[in-house]
Each structure stands twice: as structure tokens, then as C-alpha cells.
């Protein structure tokens, strides 16, 4: 699925992606595919949607679009 990084807190390692369909998903820096653990706000990414540890959906496997 395609989306855009709408927020990222580098100190906490948590961010959010909004998909093209308007769905907002949280992600953790460890799910950034290139291993950098940082990503700029506004970056267009391809993501996988997975079940998070709290039972909600999260973005994973973030890769540049």
C-alpha cells in the first residue's frame, strides 16, 4: 500500500503514515526497511499493514515509493 509519512518523533522512534485512502497508521522506527531508524516527514512510502501488539493495525516494512 502507498502512503506518506505525516509525523515522526525521532527521540521516541514513533511515527504515522497516512495512506492514499486516508487511513492513518502508526509505525515504530524498527519497521523502516533500510535499517536507518529515521525517515523524513513528507516521504512517500510503500508499506505493509500488520496487526500491532495492542490489536490495532500498524504500518510495517516502510520502503521509499
PDB file of N, CA and C in Angstrom:
ATOM      1  N   UNK A   1       0.855  -1.167   0.000  1.00  0.00           N
ATOM      2  CA  UNK A   1       0.000   0.000   0.000  1.00  0.00           C
ATOM      3  C   UNK A   1       0.906   1.237   0.000  1.00  0.00           C
ATOM      4  N   UNK A   2       0.429   2.298  -0.590  1.00  0.00           N
ATOM      5  CA  UNK A   2       1.201   3.538  -0.709  1.00  0.00           C
ATOM      6  C   UNK A   2       0.700   4.559   0.305  1.00  0.00           C
ATOM      7  N   UNK A   3       1.634   5.360   0.851  1.00  0.00           N
ATOM      8  CA  UNK A   3       1.253   6.403   1.790  1.00  0.00           C
ATOM      9  C   UNK A   3       2.335   7.451   1.933  1.00  0.00           C
ATOM     10  N   UNK A   4       2.084   8.392   2.854  1.00  0.00           N
ATOM     11  CA  UNK A   4       3.003   9.487   3.126  1.00  0.00           C
ATOM     12  C   UNK A   4       3.238   9.571   4.624  1.00  0.00           C
ATOM     13  N   UNK A   5       4.505   9.743   5.012  1.00  0.00           N
ATOM     14  CA  UNK A   5       4.838   9.913   6.429  1.00  0.00           C
ATOM     15  C   UNK A   5       4.316  11.276   6.857  1.00  0.00           C
ATOM     16  N   UNK A   6       3.402  11.292   7.837  1.00  0.00           N
ATOM     17  CA  UNK A   6       2.794  12.550   8.266  1.00  0.00           C
ATOM     18  C   UNK A   6       3.387  13.068   9.576  1.00  0.00           C
ATOM     19  N   UNK A   7       4.028  12.189  10.345  1.00  0.00           N
ATOM     20  CA  UNK A   7       4.720  12.632  11.555  1.00  0.00           C
ATOM     21  C   UNK A   7       5.758  11.597  11.939  1.00  0.00           C
ATOM     22  N   UNK A   8       6.819  12.072  12.592  1.00  0.00           N
ATOM     23  CA  UNK A   8       7.856  11.168  13.086  1.00  0.00           C
ATOM     24  C   UNK A   8       8.591  11.846  14.230  1.00  0.00           C
ATOM     25  N   UNK A   9       8.600  11.213  15.390  1.00  0.00           N
ATOM     26  CA  UNK A   9       9.313  11.692  16.566  1.00  0.00           C
ATOM     27  C   UNK A   9      10.575  10.845  16.697  1.00  0.00           C
ATOM     28  N   UNK A  10      11.698  11.415  16.309  1.00  0.00           N
ATOM     29  CA  UNK A  10      12.952  10.669  16.280  1.00  0.00           C
ATOM     30  C   UNK A  10      13.372  10.192  17.670  1.00  0.00           C
ATOM     31  N   UNK A  11      13.107  10.964  18.705  1.00  0.00           N
ATOM     32  CA  UNK A  11      13.508  10.580  20.061  1.00  0.00           C
ATOM     33  C   UNK A  11      12.719   9.379  20.575  1.00  0.00           C
ATOM     34  N   UNK A  12      11.436   9.323  20.266  1.00  0.00           N
ATOM     35  CA  UNK A  12      10.600   8.196  20.685  1.00  0.00           C
ATOM     36  C   UNK A  12      10.624   7.059  19.673  1.00  0.00           C
ATOM     37  N   UNK A  13      10.984   7.356  18.425  1.00  0.00           N
ATOM     38  CA  UNK A  13      11.030   6.341  17.381  1.00  0.00           C
ATOM     39  C   UNK A  13       9.668   5.942  16.866  1.00  0.00           C
ATOM     40  N   UNK A  14       8.683   6.812  17.039  1.00  0.00           N
ATOM     41  CA  UNK A  14       7.314   6.516  16.633  1.00  0.00           C
ATOM     42  C   UNK A  14       6.848   7.552  15.624  1.00  0.00           C
ATOM     43  N   UNK A  15       6.119   7.073  14.621  1.00  0.00           N
ATOM     44  CA  UNK A  15       5.601   7.981  13.609  1.00  0.00           C
ATOM     45  C   UNK A  15       4.261   7.523  13.098  1.00  0.00           C
ATOM     46  N   UNK A  16       3.781   8.221  12.065  1.00  0.00           N
ATOM     47  CA  UNK A  16       2.493   7.888  11.463  1.00  0.00           C
ATOM     48  C   UNK A  16       2.590   8.037   9.953  1.00  0.00           C
ATOM     49  N   UNK A  17       1.842   7.177   9.276  1.00  0.00           N
ATOM     50  CA  UNK A  17       1.726   7.206   7.823  1.00  0.00           C
ATOM     51  C   UNK A  17       0.243   7.361   7.499  1.00  0.00           C
ATOM     52  N   UNK A  18      -0.074   8.217   6.534  1.00  0.00           N
ATOM     53  CA  UNK A  18      -1.433   8.309   6.020  1.00  0.00           C
ATOM     54  C   UNK A  18      -1.434   7.701   4.624  1.00  0.00           C
ATOM     55  N   UNK A  19      -2.296   6.713   4.421  1.00  0.00           N
ATOM     56  CA  UNK A  19      -2.358   6.042   3.128  1.00  0.00           C
ATOM     57  C   UNK A  19      -3.127   6.890   2.128  1.00  0.00           C
ATOM     58  N   UNK A  20      -3.061   6.498   0.884  1.00  0.00           N
ATOM     59  CA  UNK A  20      -3.789   7.215  -0.163  1.00  0.00           C
ATOM     60  C   UNK A  20      -5.299   7.168   0.054  1.00  0.00           C
ATOM     61  N   UNK A  21      -5.778   6.187   0.807  1.00  0.00           N
ATOM     62  CA  UNK A  21      -7.209   6.069   1.090  1.00  0.00           C
ATOM     63  C   UNK A  21      -7.616   6.838   2.340  1.00  0.00           C
ATOM     64  N   UNK A  22      -6.655   7.497   3.008  1.00  0.00           N
ATOM     65  CA  UNK A  22      -6.950   8.312   4.181  1.00  0.00           C
ATOM     66  C   UNK A  22      -6.786   7.600   5.511  1.00  0.00           C
ATOM     67  N   UNK A  23      -6.391   6.344   5.499  1.00  0.00           N
ATOM     68  CA  UNK A  23      -6.170   5.579   6.726  1.00  0.00           C
ATOM     69  C   UNK A  23      -4.872   6.028   7.381  1.00  0.00           C
ATOM     70  N   UNK A  24      -4.922   6.340   8.682  1.00  0.00           N
ATOM     71  CA  UNK A  24      -3.709   6.745   9.392  1.00  0.00           C
ATOM     72  C   UNK A  24      -3.228   5.582  10.256  1.00  0.00           C
ATOM     73  N   UNK A  25      -1.958   5.222  10.068  1.00  0.00           N
ATOM     74  CA  UNK A  25      -1.363   4.093  10.764  1.00  0.00           C
ATOM     75  C   UNK A  25      -0.095   4.513  11.480  1.00  0.00           C
ATOM     76  N   UNK A  26       0.095   4.030  12.682  1.00  0.00           N
ATOM     77  CA  UNK A  26       1.323   4.275  13.437  1.00  0.00           C
ATOM     78  C   UNK A  26       2.396   3.289  12.988  1.00  0.00           C
ATOM     79  N   UNK A  27       3.653   3.648  13.221  1.00  0.00           N
ATOM     80  CA  UNK A  27       4.762   2.733  12.970  1.00  0.00           C
ATOM     81  C   UNK A  27       5.881   3.013  13.964  1.00  0.00           C
ATOM     82  N   UNK A  28       6.743   2.034  14.160  1.00  0.00           N
ATOM     83  CA  UNK A  28       7.921   2.174  15.006  1.00  0.00           C
ATOM     84  C   UNK A  28       9.139   2.197  14.101  1.00  0.00           C
ATOM     85  N   UNK A  29      10.177   2.906  14.512  1.00  0.00           N
ATOM     86  CA  UNK A  29      11.357   3.085  13.671  1.00  0.00           C
ATOM     87  C   UNK A  29      12.016   1.760  13.269  1.00  0.00           C
ATOM     88  N   UNK A  30      11.823   0.706  14.036  1.00  0.00           N
ATOM     89  CA  UNK A  30      12.437  -0.578  13.689  1.00  0.00           C
ATOM     90  C   UNK A  30      11.783  -1.215  12.471  1.00  0.00           C
ATOM     91  N   UNK A  31      10.644  -0.687  12.018  1.00  0.00           N
ATOM     92  CA  UNK A  31       9.980  -1.245  10.839  1.00  0.00           C
ATOM     93  C   UNK A  31      10.380  -0.535   9.546  1.00  0.00           C
ATOM     94  N   UNK A  32      11.317   0.417   9.613  1.00  0.00           N
ATOM     95  CA  UNK A  32      11.836   1.067   8.414  1.00  0.00           C
ATOM     96  C   UNK A  32      12.789   0.073   7.754  1.00  0.00           C
ATOM     97  N   UNK A  33      12.501  -0.300   6.523  1.00  0.00           N
ATOM     98  CA  UNK A  33      13.174  -1.422   5.864  1.00  0.00           C
ATOM     99  C   UNK A  33      14.681  -1.239   5.680  1.00  0.00           C
ATOM    100  N   UNK A  34      15.157  -0.014   5.479  1.00  0.00           N
ATOM    101  CA  UNK A  34      16.589   0.151   5.207  1.00  0.00           C
ATOM    102  C   UNK A  34      17.446   0.151   6.470  1.00  0.00           C
ATOM    103  N   UNK A  35      16.817   0.059   7.640  1.00  0.00           N
ATOM    104  CA  UNK A  35      17.563  -0.051   8.892  1.00  0.00           C
ATOM    105  C   UNK A  35      18.071   1.261   9.461  1.00  0.00           C
ATOM    106  N   UNK A  36      17.729   2.404   8.865  1.00  0.00           N
ATOM    107  CA  UNK A  36      18.253   3.683   9.334  1.00  0.00           C
ATOM    108  C   UNK A  36      17.595   4.170  10.615  1.00  0.00           C
ATOM    109  N   UNK A  37      16.375   3.713  10.881  1.00  0.00           N
ATOM    110  CA  UNK A  37      15.597   4.108  12.060  1.00  0.00           C
ATOM    111  C   UNK A  37      15.202   5.582  12.062  1.00  0.00           C
ATOM    112  N   UNK A  38      15.264   6.224  10.911  1.00  0.00           N
ATOM    113  CA  UNK A  38      14.779   7.591  10.773  1.00  0.00           C
ATOM    114  C   UNK A  38      14.207   7.765   9.369  1.00  0.00           C
ATOM    115  N   UNK A  39      13.199   8.639   9.255  1.00  0.00           N
ATOM    116  CA  UNK A  39      12.569   8.887   7.964  1.00  0.00           C
ATOM    117  C   UNK A  39      11.992  10.304   8.000  1.00  0.00           C
ATOM    118  N   UNK A  40      12.132  11.062   6.931  1.00  0.00           N
ATOM    119  CA  UNK A  40      11.636  12.437   6.948  1.00  0.00           C
ATOM    120  C   UNK A  40      10.114  12.510   6.803  1.00  0.00           C
ATOM    121  N   UNK A  41       9.522  13.485   7.461  1.00  0.00           N
ATOM    122  CA  UNK A  41       8.097  13.762   7.288  1.00  0.00           C
ATOM    123  C   UNK A  41       7.894  14.199   5.844  1.00  0.00           C
ATOM    124  N   UNK A  42       6.854  13.695   5.221  1.00  0.00           N
ATOM    125  CA  UNK A  42       6.572  14.011   3.824  1.00  0.00           C
ATOM    126  C   UNK A  42       7.075  12.956   2.854  1.00  0.00           C
ATOM    127  N   UNK A  43       7.867  12.003   3.345  1.00  0.00           N
ATOM    128  CA  UNK A  43       8.386  10.952   2.474  1.00  0.00           C
ATOM    129  C   UNK A  43       7.250  10.054   2.000  1.00  0.00           C
ATOM    130  N   UNK A  44       7.249   9.741   0.711  1.00  0.00           N
ATOM    131  CA  UNK A  44       6.280   8.808   0.170  1.00  0.00           C
ATOM    132  C   UNK A  44       6.846   7.405   0.336  1.00  0.00           C
ATOM    133  N   UNK A  45       6.024   6.497   0.860  1.00  0.00           N
ATOM    134  CA  UNK A  45       6.493   5.157   1.178  1.00  0.00           C
ATOM    135  C   UNK A  45       5.488   4.099   0.731  1.00  0.00           C
ATOM    136  N   UNK A  46       5.997   2.896   0.531  1.00  0.00           N
ATOM    137  CA  UNK A  46       5.162   1.718   0.362  1.00  0.00           C
ATOM    138  C   UNK A  46       5.229   0.975   1.684  1.00  0.00           C
ATOM    139  N   UNK A  47       4.087   0.495   2.155  1.00  0.00           N
ATOM    140  CA  UNK A  47       4.022  -0.139   3.469  1.00  0.00           C
ATOM    141  C   UNK A  47       3.242  -1.446   3.408  1.00  0.00           C
ATOM    142  N   UNK A  48       3.449  -2.241   4.438  1.00  0.00           N
ATOM    143  CA  UNK A  48       2.604  -3.405   4.701  1.00  0.00           C
ATOM    144  C   UNK A  48       1.777  -3.057   5.932  1.00  0.00           C
ATOM    145  N   UNK A  49       0.560  -3.557   6.001  1.00  0.00           N
ATOM    146  CA  UNK A  49      -0.292  -3.328   7.170  1.00  0.00           C
ATOM    147  C   UNK A  49      -0.319  -4.619   7.984  1.00  0.00           C
ATOM    148  N   UNK A  50       0.004  -4.495   9.276  1.00  0.00           N
ATOM    149  CA  UNK A  50       0.071  -5.664  10.157  1.00  0.00           C
ATOM    150  C   UNK A  50      -0.736  -5.387  11.426  1.00  0.00           C
ATOM    151  N   UNK A  51      -1.070  -6.443  12.144  1.00  0.00           N
ATOM    152  CA  UNK A  51      -1.707  -6.310  13.450  1.00  0.00           C
ATOM    153  C   UNK A  51      -0.648  -5.920  14.463  1.00  0.00           C
ATOM    154  N   UNK A  52      -0.897  -4.835  15.201  1.00  0.00           N
ATOM    155  CA  UNK A  52       0.029  -4.383  16.221  1.00  0.00           C
ATOM    156  C   UNK A  52      -0.146  -5.147  17.517  1.00  0.00           C
ATOM    157  N   UNK A  53       0.746  -4.924  18.480  1.00  0.00           N
ATOM    158  CA  UNK A  53       0.683  -5.648  19.746  1.00  0.00           C
ATOM    159  C   UNK A  53      -0.557  -5.331  20.578  1.00  0.00           C
ATOM    160  N   UNK A  54      -1.204  -4.202  20.321  1.00  0.00           N
ATOM    161  CA  UNK A  54      -2.416  -3.834  21.073  1.00  0.00           C
ATOM    162  C   UNK A  54      -3.688  -4.193  20.316  1.00  0.00           C
ATOM    163  N   UNK A  55      -3.548  -4.929  19.230  1.00  0.00           N
ATOM    164  CA  UNK A  55      -4.711  -5.347  18.470  1.00  0.00           C
ATOM    165  C   UNK A  55      -5.149  -4.382  17.388  1.00  0.00           C
ATOM    166  N   UNK A  56      -4.454  -3.256  17.242  1.00  0.00           N
ATOM    167  CA  UNK A  56      -4.797  -2.306  16.189  1.00  0.00           C
ATOM    168  C   UNK A  56      -3.868  -2.522  14.994  1.00  0.00           C
ATOM    169  N   UNK A  57      -4.193  -1.913  13.867  1.00  0.00           N
ATOM    170  CA  UNK A  57      -3.350  -2.035  12.685  1.00  0.00           C
ATOM    171  C   UNK A  57      -2.208  -1.040  12.737  1.00  0.00           C
ATOM    172  N   UNK A  58      -1.050  -1.459  12.219  1.00  0.00           N
ATOM    173  CA  UNK A  58       0.135  -0.613  12.163  1.00  0.00           C
ATOM    174  C   UNK A  58       0.787  -0.757  10.799  1.00  0.00           C
ATOM    175  N   UNK A  59       1.585   0.229  10.447  1.00  0.00           N
ATOM    176  CA  UNK A  59       2.379   0.165   9.217  1.00  0.00           C
ATOM    177  C   UNK A  59       3.683  -0.560   9.524  1.00  0.00           C
ATOM    178  N   UNK A  60       4.152  -1.337   8.576  1.00  0.00           N
ATOM    179  CA  UNK A  60       5.415  -2.054   8.727  1.00  0.00           C
ATOM    180  C   UNK A  60       6.113  -2.113   7.369  1.00  0.00           C
ATOM    181  N   UNK A  61       7.372  -2.462   7.383  1.00  0.00           N
ATOM    182  CA  UNK A  61       8.160  -2.626   6.160  1.00  0.00           C
ATOM    183  C   UNK A  61       8.112  -1.366   5.295  1.00  0.00           C
ATOM    184  N   UNK A  62       8.389  -0.211   5.901  1.00  0.00           N
ATOM    185  CA  UNK A  62       8.367   1.055   5.185  1.00  0.00           C
ATOM    186  C   UNK A  62       9.529   1.114   4.207  1.00  0.00           C
ATOM    187  N   UNK A  63       9.197   1.343   2.933  1.00  0.00           N
ATOM    188  CA  UNK A  63      10.198   1.459   1.872  1.00  0.00           C
ATOM    189  C   UNK A  63       9.869   2.688   1.024  1.00  0.00           C
ATOM    190  N   UNK A  64      10.906   3.377   0.532  1.00  0.00           N
ATOM    191  CA  UNK A  64      10.641   4.536  -0.329  1.00  0.00           C
ATOM    192  C   UNK A  64       9.797   4.140  -1.537  1.00  0.00           C
ATOM    193  N   UNK A  65       8.859   5.004  -1.883  1.00  0.00           N
ATOM    194  CA  UNK A  65       7.971   4.710  -3.039  1.00  0.00           C
ATOM    195  C   UNK A  65       8.654   5.097  -4.326  1.00  0.00           C
TER     196      UNK A  65
END
